[in-house]
Amino acid sequence: MEGLTPETIEKAYNRKMEAYQASDQQNLPESIQQLLHEKIQEVKEAKKVLSEGNKI
């Protein structure tokens, strides 16, 4: 995975987390909140995989 540095991974992670962690999330329907929760978990897992892969 050339071109992936810890900094670029962190920047992308922060952008996605900001997009999914809306401060008014509690006003959204439960189904949307659940979807956002799932997306946040996917982003966290992707960061973990990319960070680990970058150490090889």
N, C-alpha and C. Protein backbone atom coordinates (compact mmCIF):
# COMPACT_ATOMS: atom_id res chain seq x y z
N MET A 1 0.83 -1.18 0.00
CA MET A 1 0.00 0.00 0.00
C MET A 1 0.87 1.24 0.00
N GLU A 2 1.42 1.50 -1.13
CA GLU A 2 2.30 2.65 -1.25
C GLU A 2 1.51 3.94 -1.13
N GLY A 3 2.15 4.94 -0.57
CA GLY A 3 1.53 6.24 -0.43
C GLY A 3 0.71 6.40 0.84
N LEU A 4 0.53 5.32 1.57
CA LEU A 4 -0.21 5.41 2.82
C LEU A 4 0.77 5.64 3.95
N THR A 5 0.67 6.80 4.54
CA THR A 5 1.48 7.10 5.70
C THR A 5 0.55 7.16 6.90
N PRO A 6 1.09 7.06 8.09
CA PRO A 6 0.23 7.19 9.27
C PRO A 6 -0.57 8.51 9.25
N GLU A 7 0.04 9.54 8.71
CA GLU A 7 -0.64 10.84 8.66
C GLU A 7 -1.83 10.83 7.69
N THR A 8 -1.65 10.21 6.51
CA THR A 8 -2.76 10.18 5.56
C THR A 8 -3.89 9.30 6.07
N ILE A 9 -3.55 8.21 6.74
CA ILE A 9 -4.57 7.34 7.32
C ILE A 9 -5.35 8.11 8.38
N GLU A 10 -4.63 8.83 9.24
CA GLU A 10 -5.27 9.59 10.32
C GLU A 10 -6.17 10.69 9.76
N LYS A 11 -5.72 11.38 8.73
CA LYS A 11 -6.53 12.44 8.11
C LYS A 11 -7.83 11.88 7.54
N ALA A 12 -7.72 10.78 6.80
CA ALA A 12 -8.91 10.17 6.21
C ALA A 12 -9.85 9.67 7.30
N TYR A 13 -9.28 9.07 8.33
CA TYR A 13 -10.09 8.58 9.46
C TYR A 13 -10.85 9.74 10.11
N ASN A 14 -10.16 10.83 10.37
CA ASN A 14 -10.81 11.98 11.02
C ASN A 14 -11.91 12.58 10.16
N ARG A 15 -11.68 12.66 8.84
CA ARG A 15 -12.72 13.18 7.94
C ARG A 15 -13.99 12.33 7.99
N LYS A 16 -13.80 11.01 7.92
CA LYS A 16 -14.96 10.11 7.95
C LYS A 16 -15.68 10.17 9.29
N MET A 17 -14.91 10.20 10.37
CA MET A 17 -15.53 10.23 11.70
C MET A 17 -16.34 11.51 11.88
N GLU A 18 -15.83 12.63 11.39
CA GLU A 18 -16.56 13.88 11.48
C GLU A 18 -17.87 13.80 10.71
N ALA A 19 -17.83 13.13 9.57
CA ALA A 19 -19.03 13.01 8.73
C ALA A 19 -20.11 12.17 9.41
N TYR A 20 -19.69 11.14 10.15
CA TYR A 20 -20.65 10.23 10.75
C TYR A 20 -21.04 10.59 12.18
N GLN A 21 -20.29 11.44 12.83
CA GLN A 21 -20.58 11.78 14.21
C GLN A 21 -21.21 13.17 14.29
N ALA A 22 -22.43 13.26 13.88
CA ALA A 22 -23.14 14.53 13.92
C ALA A 22 -23.57 14.84 15.35
N SER A 23 -23.45 16.09 15.75
CA SER A 23 -23.81 16.46 17.11
C SER A 23 -25.32 16.34 17.36
N ASP A 24 -26.11 16.41 16.30
CA ASP A 24 -27.56 16.29 16.44
C ASP A 24 -28.06 14.88 16.13
N GLN A 25 -27.18 13.92 16.26
CA GLN A 25 -27.50 12.53 15.93
C GLN A 25 -28.68 12.00 16.75
N GLN A 26 -28.85 12.48 17.96
CA GLN A 26 -29.93 11.99 18.82
C GLN A 26 -31.31 12.37 18.31
N ASN A 27 -31.37 13.36 17.43
CA ASN A 27 -32.65 13.77 16.86
C ASN A 27 -33.05 12.93 15.65
N LEU A 28 -32.17 12.05 15.22
CA LEU A 28 -32.44 11.22 14.06
C LEU A 28 -33.21 9.96 14.45
N PRO A 29 -33.93 9.37 13.51
CA PRO A 29 -34.64 8.11 13.80
C PRO A 29 -33.66 7.02 14.23
N GLU A 30 -34.15 6.08 15.00
CA GLU A 30 -33.33 4.99 15.53
C GLU A 30 -32.63 4.22 14.41
N SER A 31 -33.31 3.98 13.30
CA SER A 31 -32.70 3.23 12.20
C SER A 31 -31.50 3.96 11.62
N ILE A 32 -31.58 5.27 11.52
CA ILE A 32 -30.46 6.06 11.01
C ILE A 32 -29.32 6.08 12.02
N GLN A 33 -29.64 6.18 13.30
CA GLN A 33 -28.61 6.14 14.33
C GLN A 33 -27.87 4.81 14.29
N GLN A 34 -28.59 3.71 14.08
CA GLN A 34 -27.97 2.40 14.00
C GLN A 34 -27.05 2.32 12.78
N LEU A 35 -27.50 2.84 11.66
CA LEU A 35 -26.69 2.86 10.44
C LEU A 35 -25.40 3.66 10.67
N LEU A 36 -25.51 4.81 11.30
CA LEU A 36 -24.33 5.62 11.60
C LEU A 36 -23.37 4.87 12.51
N HIS A 37 -23.92 4.18 13.50
CA HIS A 37 -23.09 3.39 14.40
C HIS A 37 -22.32 2.32 13.62
N GLU A 38 -22.99 1.65 12.72
CA GLU A 38 -22.35 0.62 11.90
C GLU A 38 -21.24 1.23 11.03
N LYS A 39 -21.51 2.37 10.44
CA LYS A 39 -20.52 3.03 9.59
C LYS A 39 -19.30 3.44 10.41
N ILE A 40 -19.53 3.94 11.62
CA ILE A 40 -18.42 4.32 12.50
C ILE A 40 -17.56 3.11 12.81
N GLN A 41 -18.19 1.98 13.07
CA GLN A 41 -17.44 0.76 13.35
C GLN A 41 -16.63 0.32 12.12
N GLU A 42 -17.20 0.46 10.93
CA GLU A 42 -16.49 0.12 9.70
C GLU A 42 -15.26 1.01 9.51
N VAL A 43 -15.42 2.30 9.80
CA VAL A 43 -14.30 3.23 9.65
C VAL A 43 -13.20 2.89 10.65
N LYS A 44 -13.58 2.57 11.88
CA LYS A 44 -12.59 2.19 12.90
C LYS A 44 -11.85 0.93 12.48
N GLU A 45 -12.56 -0.05 11.96
CA GLU A 45 -11.94 -1.30 11.52
C GLU A 45 -11.01 -1.05 10.33
N ALA A 46 -11.43 -0.21 9.40
CA ALA A 46 -10.59 0.10 8.24
C ALA A 46 -9.30 0.78 8.68
N LYS A 47 -9.40 1.71 9.62
CA LYS A 47 -8.19 2.37 10.12
C LYS A 47 -7.26 1.35 10.76
N LYS A 48 -7.82 0.45 11.53
CA LYS A 48 -7.01 -0.57 12.20
C LYS A 48 -6.28 -1.44 11.16
N VAL A 49 -7.00 -1.90 10.15
CA VAL A 49 -6.42 -2.76 9.12
C VAL A 49 -5.34 -2.01 8.34
N LEU A 50 -5.64 -0.78 7.95
CA LEU A 50 -4.67 0.00 7.19
C LEU A 50 -3.43 0.33 8.02
N SER A 51 -3.63 0.64 9.28
CA SER A 51 -2.51 0.95 10.16
C SER A 51 -1.63 -0.27 10.36
N GLU A 52 -2.24 -1.42 10.55
CA GLU A 52 -1.47 -2.65 10.73
C GLU A 52 -0.76 -3.04 9.45
N GLY A 53 -1.43 -2.89 8.32
CA GLY A 53 -0.84 -3.21 7.02
C GLY A 53 0.33 -2.31 6.67
N ASN A 54 0.28 -1.09 7.19
CA ASN A 54 1.32 -0.12 6.91
C ASN A 54 2.60 -0.43 7.68
N LYS A 55 2.51 -1.25 8.72
CA LYS A 55 3.68 -1.60 9.53
C LYS A 55 4.51 -2.71 8.92
N ILE A 56 3.94 -3.41 7.95
CA ILE A 56 4.63 -4.56 7.35
C ILE A 56 5.76 -4.09 6.45
